[in-house]
Amino acid sequence: MEYKPYSHEWHRKRYLKEALDMYLNEYVDNSVIYNDILDILSDRSELAYSDFNKTTELEYMIQSKKY
């Protein structure tokens, strides 16, 4: 998919391509690439879950103070 040059989408795709090119140019095994992607997604999921828990706790605190 082609994006308008210098748009946010274009930069995002460029960064992803550069990262993949680094792995491929260094002949990194596919299992390492796969595991690195899973690690990144897992870290992101854990952070999102932590943010969700904190937000839910705050919401509960606010709601429990209602009259």
Protein backbone atom coordinates (compact mmCIF):
# COMPACT_ATOMS: atom_id res chain seq x y z
CA MET A 1 0.00 0.00 0.00
CA GLU A 2 1.35 3.38 -0.96
CA TYR A 3 0.88 6.40 1.28
CA LYS A 4 1.19 10.12 0.66
CA PRO A 5 4.88 11.01 1.06
CA TYR A 6 5.85 12.25 4.51
CA SER A 7 2.43 11.46 5.99
CA HIS A 8 2.20 9.69 9.36
CA GLU A 9 1.34 6.47 7.56
CA TRP A 10 4.30 6.83 5.21
CA HIS A 11 6.72 7.32 8.14
CA ARG A 12 5.23 4.40 10.04
CA LYS A 13 5.69 2.09 7.05
CA ARG A 14 9.22 3.42 6.47
CA TYR A 15 10.22 2.69 10.10
CA LEU A 16 8.79 -0.82 9.90
CA LYS A 17 10.62 -1.45 6.63
CA GLU A 18 13.89 -0.20 8.09
CA ALA A 19 13.51 -2.46 11.12
CA LEU A 20 12.72 -5.50 8.99
CA ASP A 21 15.58 -4.68 6.63
CA MET A 22 17.98 -4.65 9.58
CA TYR A 23 16.87 -8.14 10.60
CA LEU A 24 17.03 -9.47 7.05
CA ASN A 25 20.33 -7.79 6.15
CA GLU A 26 21.91 -9.33 9.25
CA TYR A 27 20.50 -12.75 8.28
CA VAL A 28 18.66 -13.08 11.59
CA ASP A 29 16.81 -16.38 11.85
CA ASN A 30 13.06 -16.13 11.28
CA SER A 31 12.38 -17.62 14.71
CA VAL A 32 14.27 -14.72 16.31
CA ILE A 33 12.26 -12.18 14.30
CA TYR A 34 9.06 -13.99 15.26
CA ASN A 35 9.98 -14.09 18.96
CA ASP A 36 11.05 -10.43 18.98
CA ILE A 37 7.70 -9.42 17.48
CA LEU A 38 5.85 -11.51 20.07
CA ASP A 39 7.93 -9.96 22.88
CA ILE A 40 7.12 -6.45 21.68
CA LEU A 41 3.41 -7.25 21.39
CA SER A 42 3.42 -8.87 24.82
CA ASP A 43 5.11 -5.85 26.42
CA ARG A 44 2.59 -3.56 24.75
CA SER A 45 -0.31 -5.74 25.94
CA GLU A 46 0.99 -5.77 29.52
CA LEU A 47 1.29 -1.98 29.49
CA ALA A 48 -2.22 -1.60 28.08
CA TYR A 49 -3.59 -4.01 30.71
CA SER A 50 -1.83 -2.08 33.47
CA ASP A 51 -3.30 1.19 32.16
CA PHE A 52 -6.74 -0.44 32.00
CA ASN A 53 -6.48 -1.64 35.59
CA LYS A 54 -5.38 1.77 36.84
CA THR A 55 -8.20 3.50 34.95
CA THR A 56 -10.76 0.99 36.21
CA GLU A 57 -9.57 1.47 39.79
CA LEU A 58 -9.83 5.25 39.47
CA GLU A 59 -13.29 4.96 37.94
CA TYR A 60 -14.40 2.74 40.83
CA MET A 61 -13.02 5.24 43.35
CA ILE A 62 -14.86 8.11 41.69
CA GLN A 63 -18.13 6.20 41.42
CA SER A 64 -18.00 5.01 45.02
CA LYS A 65 -17.82 8.63 46.20
CA LYS A 66 -21.10 9.56 44.47
CA TYR A 67 -24.03 10.54 46.68
